[in-house]
Amino acid sequence: MPEPGLAIVGAGKRDLAFDGALPIVLAHRGADARRADLAPDALVIHRLNDQHAYLAVPPGLHLAVGDLVAMGVRHPCLGLDRWHWLPLIDDDDRVTGAIELIF
């Protein structure tokens, strides 16, 4: 968080489908390793560049380097050309496998 109310996250236009609408933030997992599911408007992505998402962070919520931010795309079909596979994750956000995409 380079300034209050702003967090920069390591995912951008190269990673996320954004043509139809910007992705939404679904959950946050901090240093305590607990996942906090979030309301769709709790953290809002307001801008993307090639490798970063810019999140508007409300007062009282702090993100730190190393935290995980789970994002959901609004239109998955717009991102299928960016990836050849998708990771499968368990309830603890650990990668357990992969699904090959044939598009």
PDB file of N, CA and C in Angstrom:
ATOM      1  N   MET A   1       0.861  -1.167   0.000  1.00  0.00           N
ATOM      2  CA  MET A   1       0.000   0.000   0.000  1.00  0.00           C
ATOM      3  C   MET A   1       0.909   1.232   0.000  1.00  0.00           C
ATOM      4  N   PRO A   2       1.164   1.817  -1.155  1.00  0.00           N
ATOM      5  CA  PRO A   2       2.063   2.965  -1.224  1.00  0.00           C
ATOM      6  C   PRO A   2       1.485   4.230  -0.603  1.00  0.00           C
ATOM      7  N   GLU A   3       0.169   4.265  -0.439  1.00  0.00           N
ATOM      8  CA  GLU A   3      -0.493   5.405   0.198  1.00  0.00           C
ATOM      9  C   GLU A   3      -1.821   4.924   0.772  1.00  0.00           C
ATOM     10  N   PRO A   4      -2.374   5.634   1.731  1.00  0.00           N
ATOM     11  CA  PRO A   4      -3.658   5.212   2.300  1.00  0.00           C
ATOM     12  C   PRO A   4      -4.738   5.113   1.212  1.00  0.00           C
ATOM     13  N   GLY A   5      -5.501   4.036   1.256  1.00  0.00           N
ATOM     14  CA  GLY A   5      -6.601   3.855   0.323  1.00  0.00           C
ATOM     15  C   GLY A   5      -6.214   3.252  -1.016  1.00  0.00           C
ATOM     16  N   LEU A   6      -4.930   2.898  -1.202  1.00  0.00           N
ATOM     17  CA  LEU A   6      -4.485   2.330  -2.480  1.00  0.00           C
ATOM     18  C   LEU A   6      -3.584   1.133  -2.226  1.00  0.00           C
ATOM     19  N   ALA A   7      -3.896   0.020  -2.896  1.00  0.00           N
ATOM     20  CA  ALA A   7      -3.023  -1.154  -2.887  1.00  0.00           C
ATOM     21  C   ALA A   7      -2.727  -1.524  -4.331  1.00  0.00           C
ATOM     22  N   ILE A   8      -1.509  -1.942  -4.582  1.00  0.00           N
ATOM     23  CA  ILE A   8      -1.116  -2.379  -5.915  1.00  0.00           C
ATOM     24  C   ILE A   8      -0.882  -3.886  -5.840  1.00  0.00           C
ATOM     25  N   VAL A   9      -1.574  -4.630  -6.697  1.00  0.00           N
ATOM     26  CA  VAL A   9      -1.573  -6.083  -6.661  1.00  0.00           C
ATOM     27  C   VAL A   9      -0.904  -6.624  -7.929  1.00  0.00           C
ATOM     28  N   GLY A  10      -0.191  -7.732  -7.791  1.00  0.00           N
ATOM     29  CA  GLY A  10       0.560  -8.313  -8.894  1.00  0.00           C
ATOM     30  C   GLY A  10      -0.268  -9.132  -9.854  1.00  0.00           C
ATOM     31  N   ALA A  11      -1.212  -8.509 -10.521  1.00  0.00           N
ATOM     32  CA  ALA A  11      -1.986  -9.117 -11.609  1.00  0.00           C
ATOM     33  C   ALA A  11      -2.492  -7.978 -12.463  1.00  0.00           C
ATOM     34  N   GLY A  12      -2.367  -8.102 -13.770  1.00  0.00           N
ATOM     35  CA  GLY A  12      -2.766  -7.001 -14.638  1.00  0.00           C
ATOM     36  C   GLY A  12      -3.380  -7.480 -15.942  1.00  0.00           C
ATOM     37  N   LYS A  13      -3.284  -6.646 -16.961  1.00  0.00           N
ATOM     38  CA  LYS A  13      -3.903  -6.942 -18.260  1.00  0.00           C
ATOM     39  C   LYS A  13      -3.353  -8.210 -18.893  1.00  0.00           C
ATOM     40  N   ARG A  14      -2.117  -8.569 -18.570  1.00  0.00           N
ATOM     41  CA  ARG A  14      -1.543  -9.800 -19.116  1.00  0.00           C
ATOM     42  C   ARG A  14      -2.162 -11.038 -18.478  1.00  0.00           C
ATOM     43  N   ASP A  15      -2.760 -10.869 -17.302  1.00  0.00           N
ATOM     44  CA  ASP A  15      -3.266 -11.998 -16.525  1.00  0.00           C
ATOM     45  C   ASP A  15      -4.780 -12.108 -16.480  1.00  0.00           C
ATOM     46  N   LEU A  16      -5.462 -10.989 -16.541  1.00  0.00           N
ATOM     47  CA  LEU A  16      -6.891 -10.936 -16.244  1.00  0.00           C
ATOM     48  C   LEU A  16      -7.723 -10.516 -17.446  1.00  0.00           C
ATOM     49  N   ALA A  17      -8.906 -11.078 -17.548  1.00  0.00           N
ATOM     50  CA  ALA A  17      -9.862 -10.611 -18.551  1.00  0.00           C
ATOM     51  C   ALA A  17     -10.403  -9.263 -18.093  1.00  0.00           C
ATOM     52  N   PHE A  18     -10.350  -8.273 -18.953  1.00  0.00           N
ATOM     53  CA  PHE A  18     -10.768  -6.924 -18.561  1.00  0.00           C
ATOM     54  C   PHE A  18     -11.563  -6.220 -19.652  1.00  0.00           C
ATOM     55  N   ASP A  19     -11.707  -6.829 -20.817  1.00  0.00           N
ATOM     56  CA  ASP A  19     -12.339  -6.164 -21.952  1.00  0.00           C
ATOM     57  C   ASP A  19     -13.791  -5.788 -21.687  1.00  0.00           C
ATOM     58  N   GLY A  20     -14.546  -6.682 -21.040  1.00  0.00           N
ATOM     59  CA  GLY A  20     -15.948  -6.410 -20.767  1.00  0.00           C
ATOM     60  C   GLY A  20     -16.153  -5.568 -19.528  1.00  0.00           C
ATOM     61  N   ALA A  21     -15.373  -5.829 -18.484  1.00  0.00           N
ATOM     62  CA  ALA A  21     -15.439  -5.097 -17.217  1.00  0.00           C
ATOM     63  C   ALA A  21     -14.238  -5.513 -16.379  1.00  0.00           C
ATOM     64  N   LEU A  22     -13.848  -4.671 -15.454  1.00  0.00           N
ATOM     65  CA  LEU A  22     -12.723  -5.007 -14.584  1.00  0.00           C
ATOM     66  C   LEU A  22     -13.103  -6.145 -13.648  1.00  0.00           C
ATOM     67  N   PRO A  23     -12.127  -6.978 -13.253  1.00  0.00           N
ATOM     68  CA  PRO A  23     -12.403  -8.080 -12.326  1.00  0.00           C
ATOM     69  C   PRO A  23     -12.896  -7.563 -10.980  1.00  0.00           C
ATOM     70  N   ILE A  24     -13.478  -8.476 -10.201  1.00  0.00           N
ATOM     71  CA  ILE A  24     -13.909  -8.133  -8.850  1.00  0.00           C
ATOM     72  C   ILE A  24     -13.032  -8.870  -7.844  1.00  0.00           C
ATOM     73  N   VAL A  25     -12.868  -8.300  -6.663  1.00  0.00           N
ATOM     74  CA  VAL A  25     -12.111  -8.943  -5.588  1.00  0.00           C
ATOM     75  C   VAL A  25     -13.090  -9.768  -4.758  1.00  0.00           C
ATOM     76  N   LEU A  26     -12.775 -11.049  -4.592  1.00  0.00           N
ATOM     77  CA  LEU A  26     -13.665 -11.971  -3.889  1.00  0.00           C
ATOM     78  C   LEU A  26     -13.251 -12.229  -2.452  1.00  0.00           C
ATOM     79  N   ALA A  27     -11.940 -12.285  -2.201  1.00  0.00           N
ATOM     80  CA  ALA A  27     -11.457 -12.655  -0.868  1.00  0.00           C
ATOM     81  C   ALA A  27     -10.049 -12.131  -0.659  1.00  0.00           C
ATOM     82  N   HIS A  28      -9.655 -12.149   0.605  1.00  0.00           N
ATOM     83  CA  HIS A  28      -8.318 -11.700   1.002  1.00  0.00           C
ATOM     84  C   HIS A  28      -7.801 -12.676   2.048  1.00  0.00           C
ATOM     85  N   ARG A  29      -6.541 -13.070   1.921  1.00  0.00           N
ATOM     86  CA  ARG A  29      -5.902 -13.929   2.912  1.00  0.00           C
ATOM     87  C   ARG A  29      -4.631 -13.234   3.351  1.00  0.00           C
ATOM     88  N   GLY A  30      -4.604 -12.831   4.617  1.00  0.00           N
ATOM     89  CA  GLY A  30      -3.468 -12.097   5.157  1.00  0.00           C
ATOM     90  C   GLY A  30      -2.446 -12.994   5.821  1.00  0.00           C
ATOM     91  N   ALA A  31      -1.547 -12.390   6.567  1.00  0.00           N
ATOM     92  CA  ALA A  31      -0.459 -13.109   7.226  1.00  0.00           C
ATOM     93  C   ALA A  31      -0.967 -14.132   8.236  1.00  0.00           C
ATOM     94  N   ASP A  32      -2.165 -13.928   8.778  1.00  0.00           N
ATOM     95  CA  ASP A  32      -2.706 -14.888   9.743  1.00  0.00           C
ATOM     96  C   ASP A  32      -3.250 -16.149   9.071  1.00  0.00           C
ATOM     97  N   ALA A  33      -3.192 -16.187   7.728  1.00  0.00           N
ATOM     98  CA  ALA A  33      -3.583 -17.342   6.914  1.00  0.00           C
ATOM     99  C   ALA A  33      -5.085 -17.598   6.881  1.00  0.00           C
ATOM    100  N   ARG A  34      -5.882 -16.724   7.482  1.00  0.00           N
ATOM    101  CA  ARG A  34      -7.341 -16.894   7.417  1.00  0.00           C
ATOM    102  C   ARG A  34      -7.874 -16.187   6.177  1.00  0.00           C
ATOM    103  N   ARG A  35      -8.768 -16.859   5.492  1.00  0.00           N
ATOM    104  CA  ARG A  35      -9.396 -16.280   4.307  1.00  0.00           C
ATOM    105  C   ARG A  35     -10.600 -15.462   4.750  1.00  0.00           C
ATOM    106  N   ALA A  36     -10.677 -14.230   4.267  1.00  0.00           N
ATOM    107  CA  ALA A  36     -11.819 -13.365   4.545  1.00  0.00           C
ATOM    108  C   ALA A  36     -12.554 -13.118   3.233  1.00  0.00           C
ATOM    109  N   ASP A  37     -13.717 -13.763   3.075  1.00  0.00           N
ATOM    110  CA  ASP A  37     -14.527 -13.490   1.897  1.00  0.00           C
ATOM    111  C   ASP A  37     -15.040 -12.067   1.987  1.00  0.00           C
ATOM    112  N   LEU A  38     -15.069 -11.385   0.855  1.00  0.00           N
ATOM    113  CA  LEU A  38     -15.420  -9.968   0.831  1.00  0.00           C
ATOM    114  C   LEU A  38     -16.669  -9.716   0.008  1.00  0.00           C
ATOM    115  N   ALA A  39     -17.400  -8.698   0.368  1.00  0.00           N
ATOM    116  CA  ALA A  39     -18.514  -8.239  -0.470  1.00  0.00           C
ATOM    117  C   ALA A  39     -17.921  -7.738  -1.785  1.00  0.00           C
ATOM    118  N   PRO A  40     -18.672  -7.833  -2.892  1.00  0.00           N
ATOM    119  CA  PRO A  40     -18.122  -7.441  -4.193  1.00  0.00           C
ATOM    120  C   PRO A  40     -17.579  -6.016  -4.268  1.00  0.00           C
ATOM    121  N   ASP A  41     -18.023  -5.142  -3.395  1.00  0.00           N
ATOM    122  CA  ASP A  41     -17.551  -3.761  -3.468  1.00  0.00           C
ATOM    123  C   ASP A  41     -16.626  -3.380  -2.308  1.00  0.00           C
ATOM    124  N   ALA A  42     -16.158  -4.377  -1.516  1.00  0.00           N
ATOM    125  CA  ALA A  42     -15.285  -4.082  -0.382  1.00  0.00           C
ATOM    126  C   ALA A  42     -13.924  -3.579  -0.848  1.00  0.00           C
ATOM    127  N   LEU A  43     -13.324  -4.254  -1.804  1.00  0.00           N
ATOM    128  CA  LEU A  43     -12.096  -3.821  -2.465  1.00  0.00           C
ATOM    129  C   LEU A  43     -12.428  -3.699  -3.940  1.00  0.00           C
ATOM    130  N   VAL A  44     -12.157  -2.557  -4.523  1.00  0.00           N
ATOM    131  CA  VAL A  44     -12.551  -2.317  -5.910  1.00  0.00           C
ATOM    132  C   VAL A  44     -11.311  -2.078  -6.762  1.00  0.00           C
ATOM    133  N   ILE A  45     -11.194  -2.849  -7.840  1.00  0.00           N
ATOM    134  CA  ILE A  45     -10.132  -2.607  -8.818  1.00  0.00           C
ATOM    135  C   ILE A  45     -10.593  -1.432  -9.678  1.00  0.00           C
ATOM    136  N   HIS A  46      -9.821  -0.363  -9.662  1.00  0.00           N
ATOM    137  CA  HIS A  46     -10.240   0.805 -10.443  1.00  0.00           C
ATOM    138  C   HIS A  46      -9.356   1.062 -11.650  1.00  0.00           C
ATOM    139  N   ARG A  47      -8.237   0.304 -11.759  1.00  0.00           N
ATOM    140  CA  ARG A  47      -7.373   0.501 -12.921  1.00  0.00           C
ATOM    141  C   ARG A  47      -6.449  -0.696 -13.054  1.00  0.00           C
ATOM    142  N   LEU A  48      -6.078  -1.013 -14.299  1.00  0.00           N
ATOM    143  CA  LEU A  48      -5.104  -2.057 -14.586  1.00  0.00           C
ATOM    144  C   LEU A  48      -4.028  -1.492 -15.494  1.00  0.00           C
ATOM    145  N   ASN A  49      -2.785  -1.924 -15.290  1.00  0.00           N
ATOM    146  CA  ASN A  49      -1.788  -1.736 -16.327  1.00  0.00           C
ATOM    147  C   ASN A  49      -1.327  -3.138 -16.723  1.00  0.00           C
ATOM    148  N   ASP A  50      -0.250  -3.273 -17.454  1.00  0.00           N
ATOM    149  CA  ASP A  50       0.136  -4.596 -17.949  1.00  0.00           C
ATOM    150  C   ASP A  50       0.320  -5.636 -16.849  1.00  0.00           C
ATOM    151  N   GLN A  51       0.914  -5.245 -15.719  1.00  0.00           N
ATOM    152  CA  GLN A  51       1.259  -6.234 -14.717  1.00  0.00           C
ATOM    153  C   GLN A  51       0.680  -5.970 -13.328  1.00  0.00           C
ATOM    154  N   HIS A  52      -0.132  -4.930 -13.172  1.00  0.00           N
ATOM    155  CA  HIS A  52      -0.637  -4.581 -11.844  1.00  0.00           C
ATOM    156  C   HIS A  52      -2.096  -4.151 -11.876  1.00  0.00           C
ATOM    157  N   ALA A  53      -2.777  -4.443 -10.762  1.00  0.00           N
ATOM    158  CA  ALA A  53      -4.134  -3.954 -10.529  1.00  0.00           C
ATOM    159  C   ALA A  53      -4.065  -2.933  -9.403  1.00  0.00           C
ATOM    160  N   TYR A  54      -4.816  -1.873  -9.534  1.00  0.00           N
ATOM    161  CA  TYR A  54      -4.863  -0.810  -8.529  1.00  0.00           C
ATOM    162  C   TYR A  54      -6.182  -0.929  -7.778  1.00  0.00           C
ATOM    163  N   LEU A  55      -6.094  -1.194  -6.482  1.00  0.00           N
ATOM    164  CA  LEU A  55      -7.275  -1.427  -5.660  1.00  0.00           C
ATOM    165  C   LEU A  55      -7.553  -0.240  -4.759  1.00  0.00           C
ATOM    166  N   ALA A  56      -8.817   0.161  -4.729  1.00  0.00           N
ATOM    167  CA  ALA A  56      -9.278   1.147  -3.746  1.00  0.00           C
ATOM    168  C   ALA A  56      -9.556   0.380  -2.459  1.00  0.00           C
ATOM    169  N   VAL A  57      -8.874   0.752  -1.380  1.00  0.00           N
ATOM    170  CA  VAL A  57      -8.965   0.043  -0.106  1.00  0.00           C
ATOM    171  C   VAL A  57      -9.658   0.945   0.911  1.00  0.00           C
ATOM    172  N   PRO A  58     -10.745   0.460   1.525  1.00  0.00           N
ATOM    173  CA  PRO A  58     -11.450   1.284   2.508  1.00  0.00           C
ATOM    174  C   PRO A  58     -10.635   1.432   3.801  1.00  0.00           C
ATOM    175  N   PRO A  59     -10.896   2.488   4.567  1.00  0.00           N
ATOM    176  CA  PRO A  59     -10.220   2.661   5.859  1.00  0.00           C
ATOM    177  C   PRO A  59     -10.460   1.441   6.745  1.00  0.00           C
ATOM    178  N   GLY A  60      -9.443   1.044   7.477  1.00  0.00           N
ATOM    179  CA  GLY A  60      -9.568  -0.084   8.385  1.00  0.00           C
ATOM    180  C   GLY A  60      -9.132  -1.410   7.796  1.00  0.00           C
ATOM    181  N   LEU A  61      -8.997  -1.500   6.484  1.00  0.00           N
ATOM    182  CA  LEU A  61      -8.531  -2.737   5.857  1.00  0.00           C
ATOM    183  C   LEU A  61      -7.112  -2.497   5.367  1.00  0.00           C
ATOM    184  N   HIS A  62      -6.191  -3.329   5.823  1.00  0.00           N
ATOM    185  CA  HIS A  62      -4.796  -3.156   5.445  1.00  0.00           C
ATOM    186  C   HIS A  62      -4.327  -4.388   4.691  1.00  0.00           C
ATOM    187  N   LEU A  63      -3.718  -4.181   3.551  1.00  0.00           N
ATOM    188  CA  LEU A  63      -3.103  -5.257   2.796  1.00  0.00           C
ATOM    189  C   LEU A  63      -1.600  -5.115   2.935  1.00  0.00           C
ATOM    190  N   ALA A  64      -0.904  -6.244   3.012  1.00  0.00           N
ATOM    191  CA  ALA A  64       0.550  -6.228   3.170  1.00  0.00           C
ATOM    192  C   ALA A  64       1.191  -7.062   2.066  1.00  0.00           C
ATOM    193  N   VAL A  65       2.462  -6.816   1.829  1.00  0.00           N
ATOM    194  CA  VAL A  65       3.219  -7.613   0.872  1.00  0.00           C
ATOM    195  C   VAL A  65       3.109  -9.075   1.267  1.00  0.00           C
ATOM    196  N   GLY A  66       2.773  -9.926   0.321  1.00  0.00           N
ATOM    197  CA  GLY A  66       2.626 -11.358   0.580  1.00  0.00           C
ATOM    198  C   GLY A  66       1.200 -11.810   0.806  1.00  0.00           C
ATOM    199  N   ASP A  67       0.275 -10.883   1.045  1.00  0.00           N
ATOM    200  CA  ASP A  67      -1.135 -11.253   1.184  1.00  0.00           C
ATOM    201  C   ASP A  67      -1.646 -11.777  -0.155  1.00  0.00           C
ATOM    202  N   LEU A  68      -2.616 -12.668  -0.091  1.00  0.00           N
ATOM    203  CA  LEU A  68      -3.271 -13.160  -1.295  1.00  0.00           C
ATOM    204  C   LEU A  68      -4.587 -12.429  -1.490  1.00  0.00           C
ATOM    205  N   VAL A  69      -4.850 -12.041  -2.721  1.00  0.00           N
ATOM    206  CA  VAL A  69      -6.108 -11.401  -3.077  1.00  0.00           C
ATOM    207  C   VAL A  69      -6.741 -12.253  -4.170  1.00  0.00           C
ATOM    208  N   ALA A  70      -7.897 -12.839  -3.877  1.00  0.00           N
ATOM    209  CA  ALA A  70      -8.599 -13.674  -4.853  1.00  0.00           C
ATOM    210  C   ALA A  70      -9.500 -12.789  -5.696  1.00  0.00           C
ATOM    211  N   MET A  71      -9.363 -12.920  -7.006  1.00  0.00           N
ATOM    212  CA  MET A  71     -10.156 -12.103  -7.932  1.00  0.00           C
ATOM    213  C   MET A  71     -11.024 -12.991  -8.802  1.00  0.00           C
ATOM    214  N   GLY A  72     -12.153 -12.475  -9.176  1.00  0.00           N
ATOM    215  CA  GLY A  72     -13.047 -13.159 -10.089  1.00  0.00           C
ATOM    216  C   GLY A  72     -13.251 -12.308 -11.321  1.00  0.00           C
ATOM    217  N   VAL A  73     -13.192 -12.936 -12.472  1.00  0.00           N
ATOM    218  CA  VAL A  73     -13.420 -12.202 -13.713  1.00  0.00           C
ATOM    219  C   VAL A  73     -14.917 -12.156 -13.980  1.00  0.00           C
ATOM    220  N   ARG A  74     -15.357 -11.106 -14.605  1.00  0.00           N
ATOM    221  CA  ARG A  74     -16.787 -10.948 -14.884  1.00  0.00           C
ATOM    222  C   ARG A  74     -17.207 -11.690 -16.144  1.00  0.00           C
ATOM    223  N   HIS A  75     -16.269 -11.807 -17.080  1.00  0.00           N
ATOM    224  CA  HIS A  75     -16.548 -12.485 -18.343  1.00  0.00           C
ATOM    225  C   HIS A  75     -15.400 -13.450 -18.641  1.00  0.00           C
ATOM    226  N   PRO A  76     -15.458 -14.699 -18.137  1.00  0.00           N
ATOM    227  CA  PRO A  76     -14.331 -15.626 -18.281  1.00  0.00           C
ATOM    228  C   PRO A  76     -13.923 -15.893 -19.724  1.00  0.00           C
ATOM    229  N   CYS A  77     -14.875 -15.896 -20.635  1.00  0.00           N
ATOM    230  CA  CYS A  77     -14.534 -16.221 -22.019  1.00  0.00           C
ATOM    231  C   CYS A  77     -13.569 -15.201 -22.628  1.00  0.00           C
ATOM    232  N   LEU A  78     -13.535 -13.992 -22.092  1.00  0.00           N
ATOM    233  CA  LEU A  78     -12.629 -12.983 -22.622  1.00  0.00           C
ATOM    234  C   LEU A  78     -11.180 -13.228 -22.214  1.00  0.00           C
ATOM    235  N   GLY A  79     -10.951 -14.100 -21.258  1.00  0.00           N
ATOM    236  CA  GLY A  79      -9.591 -14.377 -20.808  1.00  0.00           C
ATOM    237  C   GLY A  79      -9.035 -15.702 -21.288  1.00  0.00           C
ATOM    238  N   LEU A  80      -9.827 -16.506 -21.976  1.00  0.00           N
ATOM    239  CA  LEU A  80      -9.366 -17.830 -22.383  1.00  0.00           C
ATOM    240  C   LEU A  80      -8.194 -17.772 -23.350  1.00  0.00           C
ATOM    241  N   ASP A  81      -8.059 -16.690 -24.099  1.00  0.00           N
ATOM    242  CA  ASP A  81      -6.938 -16.579 -25.032  1.00  0.00           C
ATOM    243  C   ASP A  81      -5.631 -16.252 -24.319  1.00  0.00           C
ATOM    244  N   ARG A  82      -5.674 -15.877 -23.061  1.00  0.00           N
ATOM    245  CA  ARG A  82      -4.467 -15.522 -22.304  1.00  0.00           C
ATOM    246  C   ARG A  82      -3.810 -16.724 -21.646  1.00  0.00           C
ATOM    247  N   TRP A  83      -4.550 -17.796 -21.403  1.00  0.00           N
ATOM    248  CA  TRP A  83      -4.052 -18.933 -20.648  1.00  0.00           C
ATOM    249  C   TRP A  83      -4.272 -20.224 -21.409  1.00  0.00           C
ATOM    250  N   HIS A  84      -3.342 -21.163 -21.274  1.00  0.00           N
ATOM    251  CA  HIS A  84      -3.488 -22.491 -21.871  1.00  0.00           C
ATOM    252  C   HIS A  84      -3.946 -23.510 -20.837  1.00  0.00           C
ATOM    253  N   TRP A  85      -3.889 -23.117 -19.565  1.00  0.00           N
ATOM    254  CA  TRP A  85      -4.361 -23.977 -18.483  1.00  0.00           C
ATOM    255  C   TRP A  85      -4.794 -23.101 -17.314  1.00  0.00           C
ATOM    256  N   LEU A  86      -5.629 -23.675 -16.460  1.00  0.00           N
ATOM    257  CA  LEU A  86      -6.072 -22.997 -15.245  1.00  0.00           C
ATOM    258  C   LEU A  86      -5.748 -23.870 -14.039  1.00  0.00           C
ATOM    259  N   PRO A  87      -5.275 -23.272 -12.961  1.00  0.00           N
ATOM    260  CA  PRO A  87      -4.990 -24.078 -11.771  1.00  0.00           C
ATOM    261  C   PRO A  87      -6.275 -24.454 -11.023  1.00  0.00           C
ATOM    262  N   LEU A  88      -6.266 -25.623 -10.438  1.00  0.00           N
ATOM    263  CA  LEU A  88      -7.326 -26.046  -9.516  1.00  0.00           C
ATOM    264  C   LEU A  88      -6.809 -25.764  -8.114  1.00  0.00           C
ATOM    265  N   ILE A  89      -7.650 -25.181  -7.266  1.00  0.00           N
ATOM    266  CA  ILE A  89      -7.217 -24.883  -5.900  1.00  0.00           C
ATOM    267  C   ILE A  89      -8.189 -25.507  -4.908  1.00  0.00           C
ATOM    268  N   ASP A  90      -7.677 -25.767  -3.710  1.00  0.00           N
ATOM    269  CA  ASP A  90      -8.528 -26.302  -2.651  1.00  0.00           C
ATOM    270  C   ASP A  90      -9.046 -25.144  -1.788  1.00  0.00           C
ATOM    271  N   ASP A  91      -9.732 -25.474  -0.703  1.00  0.00           N
ATOM    272  CA  ASP A  91     -10.322 -24.445   0.156  1.00  0.00           C
ATOM    273  C   ASP A  91      -9.292 -23.579   0.870  1.00  0.00           C
ATOM    274  N   ASP A  92      -8.042 -24.025   0.890  1.00  0.00           N
ATOM    275  CA  ASP A  92      -6.968 -23.248   1.504  1.00  0.00           C
ATOM    276  C   ASP A  92      -6.137 -22.503   0.455  1.00  0.00           C
ATOM    277  N   ASP A  93      -6.654 -22.426  -0.774  1.00  0.00           N
ATOM    278  CA  ASP A  93      -6.003 -21.729  -1.886  1.00  0.00           C
ATOM    279  C   ASP A  93      -4.670 -22.355  -2.291  1.00  0.00           C
ATOM    280  N   ARG A  94      -4.513 -23.645  -2.061  1.00  0.00           N
ATOM    281  CA  ARG A  94      -3.321 -24.360  -2.530  1.00  0.00           C
ATOM    282  C   ARG A  94      -3.623 -24.969  -3.887  1.00  0.00           C
ATOM    283  N   VAL A  95      -2.681 -24.887  -4.802  1.00  0.00           N
ATOM    284  CA  VAL A  95      -2.851 -25.463  -6.127  1.00  0.00           C
ATOM    285  C   VAL A  95      -2.786 -26.981  -6.004  1.00  0.00           C
ATOM    286  N   THR A  96      -3.813 -27.655  -6.519  1.00  0.00           N
ATOM    287  CA  THR A  96      -3.887 -29.120  -6.411  1.00  0.00           C
ATOM    288  C   THR A  96      -3.846 -29.801  -7.769  1.00  0.00           C
ATOM    289  N   GLY A  97      -3.923 -29.049  -8.830  1.00  0.00           N
ATOM    290  CA  GLY A  97      -3.925 -29.639 -10.161  1.00  0.00           C
ATOM    291  C   GLY A  97      -4.128 -28.552 -11.202  1.00  0.00           C
ATOM    292  N   ALA A  98      -4.423 -28.979 -12.427  1.00  0.00           N
ATOM    293  CA  ALA A  98      -4.612 -28.023 -13.519  1.00  0.00           C
ATOM    294  C   ALA A  98      -5.615 -28.578 -14.516  1.00  0.00           C
ATOM    295  N   ILE A  99      -6.261 -27.671 -15.199  1.00  0.00           N
ATOM    296  CA  ILE A  99      -7.178 -28.009 -16.278  1.00  0.00           C
ATOM    297  C   ILE A  99      -6.640 -27.382 -17.550  1.00  0.00           C
ATOM    298  N   GLU A 100      -6.487 -28.191 -18.595  1.00  0.00           N
ATOM    299  CA  GLU A 100      -6.026 -27.663 -19.879  1.00  0.00           C
ATOM    300  C   GLU A 100      -7.194 -26.998 -20.595  1.00  0.00           C
ATOM    301  N   LEU A 101      -6.926 -25.824 -21.153  1.00  0.00           N
ATOM    302  CA  LEU A 101      -7.947 -25.114 -21.924  1.00  0.00           C
ATOM    303  C   LEU A 101      -7.702 -25.339 -23.402  1.00  0.00           C
ATOM    304  N   ILE A 102      -8.737 -25.721 -24.094  1.00  0.00           N
ATOM    305  CA  ILE A 102      -8.646 -25.888 -25.543  1.00  0.00           C
ATOM    306  C   ILE A 102      -9.624 -24.906 -26.146  1.00  0.00           C
ATOM    307  N   PHE A 103      -9.080 -23.856 -26.722  1.00  0.00           N
ATOM    308  CA  PHE A 103      -9.917 -22.741 -27.185  1.00  0.00           C
ATOM    309  C   PHE A 103      -9.670 -22.495 -28.648  1.00  0.00           C
TER     310      PHE A 103
END
